[in-house]
Amino acid sequence: MERKMKKVGMVSLGCPKNTVDSERVLGDLVSSGFNFTADEKDAEVIIVNTCGFIESAKKESIDTILEMARYKVEGKCKQLIVTGCLAERYSQELLDAIPEIDHMLGVGQYPQLKNIIAETDSLSRNHVATPAEYYESYTDRLLTTAFYTAYLKISEGCSNRCAFCIIPKMRGPMRSRSPESILAEASHFARKGVKELNLISQDTTMYGFDLGMKGGGLVRLLREMVKVEGLKWIRLLYCYPTFLNSELVEFVASERKVCRYIDVPLQHTHDEMLKSMKRQETEGGVRKMLDEVRRKIPDVALRTTFITGFPGETETHFRHMARFLCEMEFDHVGIFTYSDEEGTTAYDYPGRVPQQVKEERKNILMEFQQEVVLRKNRARIGKVESVLVEGFDPQENYLMTGRLASQAPGIDGQVLLEKCEAEPGQIIPVKIKATTDYDLIAEPLQTALSHDPRPSIDP
């Protein structure tokens, strides 16, 4: 009986893939009889699901662990459990440095949590070395996103070997989920009111390679997913450029439920840097791929990421990337400064770039991109577009907010809605009236949408 009465709190850090892991953990615990609380002061068990991808993420994770450790004195916490990528990388170091941690689990031990929480006298604190386990089903996930949107992880791990990335060592090679389990999860959440699914993995375009599907696995999966009743938007995130093939591009162009939105992280554009990064593409190949995407999907929204200050990056390399960014005019861009991560190939590279130079280059790229976004947003003024309504703006409560199909949750801009009476989760047509740099201002034309939710329409 005591086991069922324990209150569990969780702090989830890092990327959407970590969010899905946290939701699986919470769903597993709640279905096992534990109670979830969003108030750490009231939690008897606090789980910190960490990120260990780059230096800033590691610092945030450590700071959060220390903050949660306070509740062992100031709150009701009896067990502080650390999981996730940072735990996978530095389990014993963290246990030695932070004695308040009761248990340490990596990315493959999540299903063990319910037993560890119930066992108050466990002699072992470090569970990272134990055999990995994986959830067979994701349908018990306890969504932490709004009811109308969810992330759907289609594979685990990564088989690429980019020189700057530690993910393959933390999460292992890519392992695709079965199409049956993914479609069951999509149908389950659609029945619960989810209208937008954001497909994620370390490399979404490689889905099914390990299942013998070769290059067409993602399209085969999408062909079945678009049949799920209730789903309106399916968005593709983390598409590796080398495997973004013609079949996928043509399917996105033809299928109304798949958002005309492709996230394709490039990291750099100069061939010397791409080779040093151990990327599989070349600038010529990237240009050919982007040209095909835009030719076949004229209204596509493209998101990418770049890294500044990779070892050996000269001013010439950087200027080459800056020209490419200005020329290609991406809709959304994320810029990261290179983070030196032990265990990666680049950790031993010569030609270190000073942190100040990395930051300066990042800021230059962001200034260029801001001009691109402002120009693109101004071009939308006067057009009618479809918006997924999200709720009231927390700062201006007379406004509601929403997103276009060309705006992914949490990472892109949003639409500020004036005189909106629609309910969160509705997809409605709006007329774009103005722009505030990254965001748009619009007025609804009606409260419910009866036509194709994807296209833009000139009034």
Protein backbone atom coordinates (compact mmCIF):
# COMPACT_ATOMS: atom_id res chain seq x y z
CA MET A 1 0.00 0.00 0.00
CA GLU A 2 2.85 2.40 0.80
CA ARG A 3 4.26 1.87 -2.69
CA LYS A 4 1.04 3.12 -4.28
CA MET A 5 1.00 6.24 -2.10
CA LYS A 6 4.46 7.55 -2.99
CA LYS A 7 4.44 10.90 -4.75
CA VAL A 8 6.90 11.21 -7.60
CA GLY A 9 8.15 14.43 -9.17
CA MET A 10 10.26 14.74 -12.29
CA VAL A 11 12.43 17.37 -13.95
CA SER A 12 13.09 16.65 -17.62
CA LEU A 13 15.97 18.44 -19.34
CA GLY A 14 17.28 18.53 -22.89
CA CYS A 15 15.73 17.68 -26.22
CA PRO A 16 12.26 16.37 -27.17
CA LYS A 17 13.72 12.86 -27.30
CA ASN A 18 14.42 13.18 -23.59
CA THR A 19 10.90 14.52 -23.11
CA VAL A 20 9.49 11.30 -24.59
CA ASP A 21 11.68 9.22 -22.26
CA SER A 22 10.41 11.21 -19.28
CA GLU A 23 6.80 10.77 -20.38
CA ARG A 24 7.33 7.02 -20.69
CA VAL A 25 8.80 6.92 -17.17
CA LEU A 26 5.91 8.89 -15.70
CA GLY A 27 3.33 6.76 -17.49
CA ASP A 28 5.00 3.57 -16.28
CA LEU A 29 5.10 4.82 -12.69
CA VAL A 30 1.52 6.10 -12.64
CA SER A 31 0.20 2.87 -14.15
CA SER A 32 2.13 1.02 -11.44
CA GLY A 33 0.29 2.89 -8.70
CA PHE A 34 2.58 5.82 -7.93
CA ASN A 35 1.23 9.36 -7.80
CA PHE A 36 2.68 12.19 -9.87
CA THR A 37 3.12 15.67 -8.44
CA ALA A 38 4.35 18.79 -10.23
CA ASP A 39 5.42 20.33 -6.89
CA GLU A 40 8.93 19.20 -5.97
CA LYS A 41 8.38 20.26 -2.35
CA ASP A 42 5.62 17.67 -2.08
CA ALA A 43 7.48 14.82 -3.83
CA GLU A 44 8.83 11.86 -1.89
CA VAL A 45 10.81 10.80 -4.95
CA ILE A 46 12.41 13.28 -7.35
CA ILE A 47 13.75 12.10 -10.72
CA VAL A 48 16.05 14.33 -12.76
CA ASN A 49 16.26 13.17 -16.37
CA THR A 50 19.48 14.81 -17.53
CA CYS A 51 21.04 15.93 -20.80
CA GLY A 52 24.76 15.49 -21.44
CA PHE A 53 25.07 16.55 -25.07
CA ILE A 54 27.12 19.75 -24.78
CA GLU A 55 28.79 21.73 -21.99
CA SER A 56 25.90 24.12 -21.35
CA ALA A 57 23.48 21.18 -21.07
CA LYS A 58 25.79 19.38 -18.63
CA LYS A 59 25.99 22.49 -16.44
CA GLU A 60 22.21 22.88 -16.45
CA SER A 61 21.82 19.23 -15.46
CA ILE A 62 24.28 19.49 -12.56
CA ASP A 63 22.71 22.74 -11.33
CA THR A 64 19.28 21.10 -11.43
CA ILE A 65 20.46 18.03 -9.50
CA LEU A 66 21.90 20.28 -6.78
CA GLU A 67 18.69 22.32 -6.69
CA MET A 68 16.56 19.19 -6.30
CA ALA A 69 18.90 17.88 -3.61
CA ARG A 70 17.76 20.77 -1.41
CA TYR A 71 14.34 19.16 -1.13
CA LYS A 72 15.86 16.30 0.86
CA VAL A 73 16.18 18.95 3.59
CA GLU A 74 13.55 21.54 2.73
CA GLY A 75 10.87 19.20 1.34
CA LYS A 76 9.62 15.62 1.65
CA CYS A 77 12.11 14.01 -0.71
CA LYS A 78 13.45 10.64 0.46
CA GLN A 79 14.92 9.49 -2.86
CA LEU A 80 16.78 11.58 -5.42
CA ILE A 81 17.23 9.64 -8.66
CA VAL A 82 19.30 10.82 -11.62
CA THR A 83 18.73 9.32 -15.07
CA GLY A 84 19.50 10.09 -18.71
CA CYS A 85 22.47 11.05 -20.82
CA LEU A 86 24.63 12.76 -18.19
CA ALA A 87 24.14 9.80 -15.87
CA GLU A 88 25.17 7.48 -18.70
CA ARG A 89 28.40 9.44 -19.25
CA TYR A 90 29.45 10.32 -15.71
CA SER A 91 27.62 8.00 -13.33
CA GLN A 92 30.33 7.34 -10.76
CA GLU A 93 31.73 10.86 -10.92
CA LEU A 94 28.30 12.28 -10.11
CA LEU A 95 27.72 9.83 -7.28
CA ASP A 96 31.10 10.74 -5.78
CA ALA A 97 30.54 14.48 -6.14
CA ILE A 98 26.88 14.64 -5.04
CA PRO A 99 26.24 12.21 -2.15
CA GLU A 100 22.57 13.26 -1.99
CA ILE A 101 21.93 11.16 -5.12
CA ASP A 102 20.35 7.86 -4.08
CA HIS A 103 20.27 6.11 -7.45
CA MET A 104 21.87 6.61 -10.86
CA LEU A 105 20.37 5.15 -14.04
CA GLY A 106 21.43 5.55 -17.67
CA VAL A 107 19.33 5.76 -20.82
CA GLY A 108 18.65 2.03 -20.91
CA GLN A 109 17.43 1.40 -17.39
CA TYR A 110 14.21 3.42 -17.32
CA PRO A 111 11.90 0.36 -16.90
CA GLN A 112 13.74 -0.51 -13.66
CA LEU A 113 12.65 2.71 -11.96
CA LYS A 114 9.41 1.43 -10.46
CA ASN A 115 11.24 -1.41 -8.74
CA ILE A 116 14.09 0.79 -7.53
CA ILE A 117 11.67 3.33 -6.03
CA ALA A 118 9.80 0.58 -4.20
CA GLU A 119 13.03 -0.94 -2.83
CA THR A 120 14.07 1.54 -0.13
CA ASP A 121 17.01 -0.52 1.16
CA SER A 122 18.80 -1.23 -2.11
CA LEU A 123 22.54 -1.63 -1.56
CA SER A 124 23.44 -0.48 -5.07
CA ARG A 125 23.34 3.16 -6.12
CA ASN A 126 24.83 2.89 -9.60
CA HIS A 127 22.58 0.98 -12.00
CA VAL A 128 24.13 2.25 -15.24
CA ALA A 129 26.22 -0.87 -15.76
CA THR A 130 23.24 -3.21 -15.53
CA PRO A 131 21.77 -4.68 -18.74
CA ALA A 132 19.71 -2.25 -20.77
CA GLU A 133 15.95 -2.62 -21.06
CA TYR A 134 13.48 -0.99 -23.43
CA TYR A 135 9.78 -0.32 -23.25
CA GLU A 136 7.77 -2.49 -25.61
CA SER A 137 4.85 -0.06 -25.65
CA TYR A 138 4.67 3.73 -25.56
CA THR A 139 0.91 4.05 -25.15
CA ASP A 140 1.13 4.47 -21.38
CA ARG A 141 3.10 7.71 -21.82
CA LEU A 142 1.92 10.55 -19.60
CA LEU A 143 2.02 13.53 -21.95
CA THR A 144 3.67 16.66 -20.57
CA THR A 145 2.87 18.65 -23.70
CA ALA A 146 -0.48 20.30 -24.41
CA PHE A 147 -3.24 17.78 -25.10
CA TYR A 148 -3.34 18.52 -28.84
CA THR A 149 0.37 18.00 -29.62
CA ALA A 150 2.91 15.27 -28.93
CA TYR A 151 6.36 14.05 -29.90
CA LEU A 152 6.60 10.57 -31.38
CA LYS A 153 10.01 8.88 -31.18
CA ILE A 154 10.41 6.40 -34.01
CA SER A 155 13.90 5.07 -33.19
CA GLU A 156 16.57 5.09 -30.52
CA GLY A 157 20.32 5.66 -30.85
CA CYS A 158 22.38 6.74 -33.85
CA SER A 159 24.68 4.95 -36.28
CA ASN A 160 26.29 8.09 -37.70
CA ARG A 161 29.73 9.00 -36.42
CA CYS A 162 29.88 12.79 -36.54
CA ALA A 163 33.16 13.96 -35.00
CA PHE A 164 31.51 16.41 -32.59
CA CYS A 165 28.74 14.15 -31.26
CA ILE A 166 28.75 11.81 -28.23
CA ILE A 167 25.21 10.48 -28.77
CA PRO A 168 26.18 7.13 -30.40
CA LYS A 169 28.38 6.31 -27.40
CA MET A 170 25.63 7.23 -24.93
CA ARG A 171 22.63 5.73 -26.69
CA GLY A 172 24.15 3.09 -28.93
CA PRO A 173 23.51 2.36 -32.62
CA MET A 174 20.21 3.25 -34.26
CA ARG A 175 17.38 0.86 -33.46
CA SER A 176 14.06 1.44 -35.23
CA ARG A 177 10.81 0.76 -33.44
CA SER A 178 8.44 -1.59 -35.24
CA PRO A 179 5.91 0.15 -37.51
CA GLU A 180 3.14 -1.60 -35.56
CA SER A 181 4.17 -0.07 -32.23
CA ILE A 182 4.53 3.41 -33.74
CA LEU A 183 1.15 3.29 -35.47
CA ALA A 184 -0.49 1.95 -32.31
CA GLU A 185 0.93 4.91 -30.39
CA ALA A 186 -0.19 7.40 -33.06
CA SER A 187 -3.72 5.99 -33.04
CA HIS A 188 -3.83 5.95 -29.24
CA PHE A 189 -2.96 9.63 -28.90
CA ALA A 190 -5.17 10.66 -31.81
CA ARG A 191 -8.10 9.12 -29.95
CA LYS A 192 -7.12 11.20 -26.93
CA GLY A 193 -7.29 14.43 -28.94
CA VAL A 194 -3.74 14.84 -30.24
CA LYS A 195 -3.88 16.60 -33.61
CA GLU A 196 -0.18 17.27 -34.19
CA LEU A 197 2.54 14.61 -34.08
CA ASN A 198 6.18 15.66 -34.33
CA LEU A 199 8.31 12.72 -35.46
CA ILE A 200 11.69 12.61 -33.74
CA SER A 201 14.78 10.41 -33.45
CA GLN A 202 18.51 10.98 -33.73
CA ASP A 203 18.15 10.51 -37.50
CA THR A 204 14.56 10.36 -38.70
CA THR A 205 15.39 9.74 -42.36
CA MET A 206 17.24 6.50 -41.52
CA TYR A 207 14.11 4.94 -40.03
CA GLY A 208 13.80 1.29 -41.01
CA PHE A 209 17.36 0.78 -42.32
CA ASP A 210 18.01 -1.77 -39.57
CA LEU A 211 14.65 -3.43 -40.28
CA GLY A 212 15.60 -4.13 -43.88
CA MET A 213 13.54 -1.30 -45.33
CA LYS A 214 16.62 0.40 -46.85
CA GLY A 215 15.81 3.97 -47.96
CA GLY A 216 12.03 3.81 -47.98
CA GLY A 217 11.19 3.02 -44.38
CA LEU A 218 10.06 6.50 -43.38
CA VAL A 219 7.76 6.87 -46.38
CA ARG A 220 6.24 3.44 -45.74
CA LEU A 221 5.60 4.47 -42.14
CA LEU A 222 4.10 7.82 -43.15
CA ARG A 223 1.79 6.18 -45.69
CA GLU A 224 0.14 4.30 -42.85
CA MET A 225 0.30 7.14 -40.33
CA VAL A 226 -1.66 9.56 -42.52
CA LYS A 227 -4.56 7.10 -42.38
CA VAL A 228 -4.90 7.62 -38.61
CA GLU A 229 -8.21 9.33 -38.00
CA GLY A 230 -8.02 12.57 -36.06
CA LEU A 231 -4.43 13.48 -36.91
CA LYS A 232 -4.13 16.77 -38.80
CA TRP A 233 -0.41 17.64 -38.82
CA ILE A 234 2.57 15.27 -38.98
CA ARG A 235 5.92 17.04 -38.81
CA LEU A 236 9.41 15.71 -39.63
CA LEU A 237 12.26 16.71 -37.31
CA TYR A 238 15.97 15.71 -37.38
CA CYS A 239 16.24 14.59 -41.01
CA TYR A 240 19.85 13.76 -41.89
CA PRO A 241 20.59 15.45 -45.26
CA THR A 242 22.27 12.45 -46.91
CA PHE A 243 19.11 10.33 -46.64
CA LEU A 244 16.55 12.98 -47.55
CA ASN A 245 15.66 11.28 -50.84
CA SER A 246 13.31 12.05 -53.74
CA GLU A 247 10.68 9.55 -52.59
CA LEU A 248 10.33 11.30 -49.24
CA VAL A 249 10.28 14.77 -50.79
CA GLU A 250 7.57 13.77 -53.26
CA PHE A 251 5.48 12.20 -50.51
CA VAL A 252 5.63 15.36 -48.39
CA ALA A 253 4.63 17.37 -51.46
CA SER A 254 1.59 15.16 -52.15
CA GLU A 255 0.20 14.36 -48.69
CA ARG A 256 -1.88 17.06 -47.01
CA LYS A 257 -1.45 15.73 -43.47
CA VAL A 258 2.35 15.92 -43.60
CA CYS A 259 3.45 19.47 -42.83
CA ARG A 260 5.48 21.13 -45.55
CA TYR A 261 8.22 21.48 -42.98
CA ILE A 262 11.57 19.69 -42.99
CA ASP A 263 14.22 19.99 -40.31
CA VAL A 264 17.56 19.09 -41.88
CA PRO A 265 20.59 19.82 -39.64
CA LEU A 266 23.60 20.75 -41.82
CA GLN A 267 26.17 21.83 -39.17
CA HIS A 268 28.49 23.42 -41.78
CA THR A 269 28.71 24.02 -45.52
CA HIS A 270 32.41 24.14 -46.38
CA ASP A 271 33.63 20.78 -47.71
CA GLU A 272 36.81 20.88 -45.63
CA MET A 273 34.79 21.36 -42.45
CA LEU A 274 32.22 18.74 -43.42
CA LYS A 275 34.99 16.20 -44.00
CA SER A 276 36.63 17.07 -40.68
CA MET A 277 33.25 16.73 -38.96
CA LYS A 278 32.91 13.26 -40.54
CA ARG A 279 29.68 14.23 -42.20
CA GLN A 280 28.63 12.16 -45.21
CA GLU A 281 27.48 15.05 -47.42
CA THR A 282 29.24 17.70 -49.47
CA GLU A 283 28.16 21.27 -50.18
CA GLY A 284 27.32 20.29 -53.75
CA GLY A 285 25.12 17.45 -52.54
CA VAL A 286 23.39 19.70 -50.01
CA ARG A 287 22.67 22.34 -52.63
CA LYS A 288 21.24 19.72 -54.98
CA MET A 289 19.05 18.33 -52.20
CA LEU A 290 17.75 21.79 -51.16
CA ASP A 291 17.05 22.72 -54.77
CA GLU A 292 15.00 19.54 -55.24
CA VAL A 293 13.06 20.12 -52.02
CA ARG A 294 12.15 23.67 -52.97
CA ARG A 295 11.34 22.76 -56.56
CA LYS A 296 8.96 19.97 -55.55
CA ILE A 297 7.57 21.71 -52.43
CA PRO A 298 7.53 25.42 -53.30
CA ASP A 299 6.01 26.51 -49.97
CA VAL A 300 8.23 24.29 -47.78
CA ALA A 301 9.57 25.63 -44.50
CA LEU A 302 13.19 24.56 -43.97
CA ARG A 303 14.90 24.49 -40.60
CA THR A 304 18.60 23.77 -40.07
CA THR A 305 21.38 24.09 -37.50
CA PHE A 306 24.98 25.21 -37.82
CA ILE A 307 28.03 24.95 -35.55
CA THR A 308 30.51 27.81 -35.25
CA GLY A 309 34.09 27.40 -34.06
CA PHE A 310 34.62 23.74 -34.88
CA PRO A 311 38.36 22.94 -34.53
CA GLY A 312 40.20 24.16 -37.60
CA GLU A 313 37.45 26.56 -38.71
CA THR A 314 39.17 29.55 -40.30
CA GLU A 315 37.72 32.92 -41.16
CA THR A 316 37.46 31.70 -44.75
CA HIS A 317 35.43 28.65 -43.67
CA PHE A 318 33.14 30.84 -41.58
CA ARG A 319 32.54 33.42 -44.30
CA HIS A 320 31.71 30.59 -46.69
CA MET A 321 29.04 29.34 -44.28
CA ALA A 322 27.68 32.85 -43.75
CA ARG A 323 27.29 33.38 -47.50
CA PHE A 324 25.53 30.03 -47.78
CA LEU A 325 23.09 30.92 -44.98
CA CYS A 326 22.22 34.26 -46.59
CA GLU A 327 21.86 32.69 -50.02
CA MET A 328 19.68 29.75 -48.98
CA GLU A 329 17.29 31.84 -46.82
CA PHE A 330 16.18 29.13 -44.38
CA ASP A 331 12.93 29.73 -42.54
CA HIS A 332 14.38 28.71 -39.18
CA VAL A 333 17.98 28.34 -38.06
CA GLY A 334 19.62 27.27 -34.81
CA ILE A 335 23.25 28.26 -34.22
CA PHE A 336 25.46 26.48 -31.67
CA THR A 337 29.03 27.15 -30.67
CA TYR A 338 31.24 24.07 -30.79
CA SER A 339 31.40 22.24 -27.46
CA ASP A 340 34.51 20.15 -26.76
CA GLU A 341 33.22 16.77 -25.58
CA GLU A 342 35.56 14.09 -24.32
CA GLY A 343 35.04 10.77 -26.05
CA THR A 344 34.31 12.34 -29.42
CA THR A 345 36.69 12.25 -32.38
CA ALA A 346 37.01 16.03 -32.46
CA TYR A 347 38.14 16.13 -28.83
CA ASP A 348 41.73 15.50 -29.98
CA TYR A 349 41.64 17.79 -33.01
CA PRO A 350 44.14 20.67 -33.20
CA GLY A 351 43.21 24.20 -34.26
CA ARG A 352 41.05 25.22 -31.34
CA VAL A 353 38.94 28.35 -31.92
CA PRO A 354 38.73 30.79 -28.95
CA GLN A 355 35.33 30.90 -27.25
CA GLN A 356 34.99 34.61 -27.92
CA VAL A 357 35.45 34.01 -31.65
CA LYS A 358 32.87 31.18 -31.58
CA GLU A 359 30.35 33.53 -29.95
CA GLU A 360 31.10 36.38 -32.35
CA ARG A 361 30.55 34.10 -35.33
CA LYS A 362 27.33 32.78 -33.84
CA ASN A 363 26.02 36.32 -33.32
CA ILE A 364 26.89 37.32 -36.89
CA LEU A 365 24.94 34.37 -38.29
CA MET A 366 21.96 35.10 -36.05
CA GLU A 367 21.90 38.73 -37.21
CA PHE A 368 21.88 37.60 -40.84
CA GLN A 369 19.13 35.08 -40.11
CA GLN A 370 17.00 37.64 -38.30
CA GLU A 371 16.98 39.77 -41.45
CA VAL A 372 15.94 36.74 -43.51
CA VAL A 373 13.08 35.86 -41.15
CA LEU A 374 11.83 39.44 -41.00
CA ARG A 375 11.76 39.63 -44.80
CA LYS A 376 9.95 36.28 -45.08
CA ASN A 377 7.41 37.23 -42.41
CA ARG A 378 6.67 40.58 -44.06
CA ALA A 379 5.91 38.69 -47.27
CA ARG A 380 3.15 36.83 -45.40
CA ILE A 381 1.26 40.00 -44.49
CA GLY A 382 -2.17 39.98 -46.10
CA LYS A 383 -2.23 36.22 -46.65
CA VAL A 384 -4.65 33.73 -45.13
CA GLU A 385 -3.04 30.79 -43.36
CA SER A 386 -4.06 27.95 -41.05
CA VAL A 387 -3.14 28.20 -37.37
CA LEU A 388 -3.19 25.66 -34.55
CA VAL A 389 -4.53 27.61 -31.56
CA GLU A 390 -2.52 27.07 -28.37
CA GLY A 391 -4.05 29.31 -25.69
CA PHE A 392 -3.70 32.70 -24.06
CA ASP A 393 -0.41 34.57 -24.23
CA PRO A 394 1.09 34.49 -20.69
CA GLN A 395 2.34 38.07 -21.02
CA GLU A 396 -0.54 39.66 -22.92
CA ASN A 397 -3.67 37.87 -21.71
CA TYR A 398 -5.90 39.67 -24.20
CA LEU A 399 -4.07 37.80 -26.98
CA MET A 400 -4.10 34.12 -27.84
CA THR A 401 -1.17 32.32 -29.45
CA GLY A 402 -0.92 29.71 -32.14
CA ARG A 403 1.41 28.21 -34.71
CA LEU A 404 1.48 27.75 -38.45
CA ALA A 405 2.26 24.34 -39.91
CA SER A 406 5.63 25.96 -40.70
CA GLN A 407 6.37 26.52 -36.99
CA ALA A 408 7.42 23.60 -34.78
CA PRO A 409 6.60 23.77 -31.05
CA GLY A 410 9.15 25.37 -28.77
CA ILE A 411 11.84 26.15 -31.35
CA ASP A 412 10.28 28.40 -33.99
CA GLY A 413 8.19 31.57 -33.84
CA GLN A 414 4.49 31.80 -33.10
CA VAL A 415 1.37 33.65 -34.20
CA LEU A 416 -0.23 36.23 -31.89
CA LEU A 417 -4.00 36.10 -32.39
CA GLU A 418 -6.20 39.17 -31.91
CA LYS A 419 -9.94 38.87 -31.23
CA CYS A 420 -9.70 35.09 -31.12
CA GLU A 421 -12.55 33.04 -29.64
CA ALA A 422 -11.31 29.64 -30.74
CA GLU A 423 -10.45 26.89 -28.28
CA PRO A 424 -6.91 25.51 -27.82
CA GLY A 425 -6.35 22.63 -30.21
CA GLN A 426 -8.54 24.03 -32.99
CA ILE A 427 -7.04 24.68 -36.41
CA ILE A 428 -8.49 27.89 -37.85
CA PRO A 429 -7.89 30.19 -40.84
CA VAL A 430 -6.40 33.58 -39.98
CA LYS A 431 -5.31 36.64 -41.90
CA ILE A 432 -1.74 37.79 -41.26
CA LYS A 433 -1.73 41.50 -40.35
CA ALA A 434 1.78 42.30 -39.11
CA THR A 435 5.09 40.87 -37.88
CA THR A 436 7.29 41.36 -34.84
CA ASP A 437 10.60 39.96 -36.08
CA TYR A 438 10.22 36.21 -35.41
CA ASP A 439 6.48 36.26 -34.62
CA LEU A 440 3.39 37.08 -36.66
CA ILE A 441 0.22 38.95 -35.70
CA ALA A 442 -3.05 37.70 -37.16
CA GLU A 443 -6.82 37.92 -36.88
CA PRO A 444 -9.06 34.84 -37.12
CA LEU A 445 -11.53 34.60 -39.99
CA GLN A 446 -13.65 31.97 -38.23
CA THR A 447 -13.33 29.71 -35.20
CA ALA A 448 -13.26 26.32 -36.93
CA LEU A 449 -11.55 25.05 -40.02
CA SER A 450 -13.35 22.91 -42.55
CA HIS A 451 -10.82 22.89 -45.39
CA ASP A 452 -7.31 21.50 -45.92
CA PRO A 453 -5.36 22.69 -42.86
CA ARG A 454 -2.06 23.03 -44.65
CA PRO A 455 -1.95 25.45 -47.59
CA SER A 456 -1.57 29.20 -47.58
CA ILE A 457 -4.19 31.07 -49.59
CA ASP A 458 -4.00 34.54 -51.07
CA PRO A 459 -7.10 36.50 -50.04
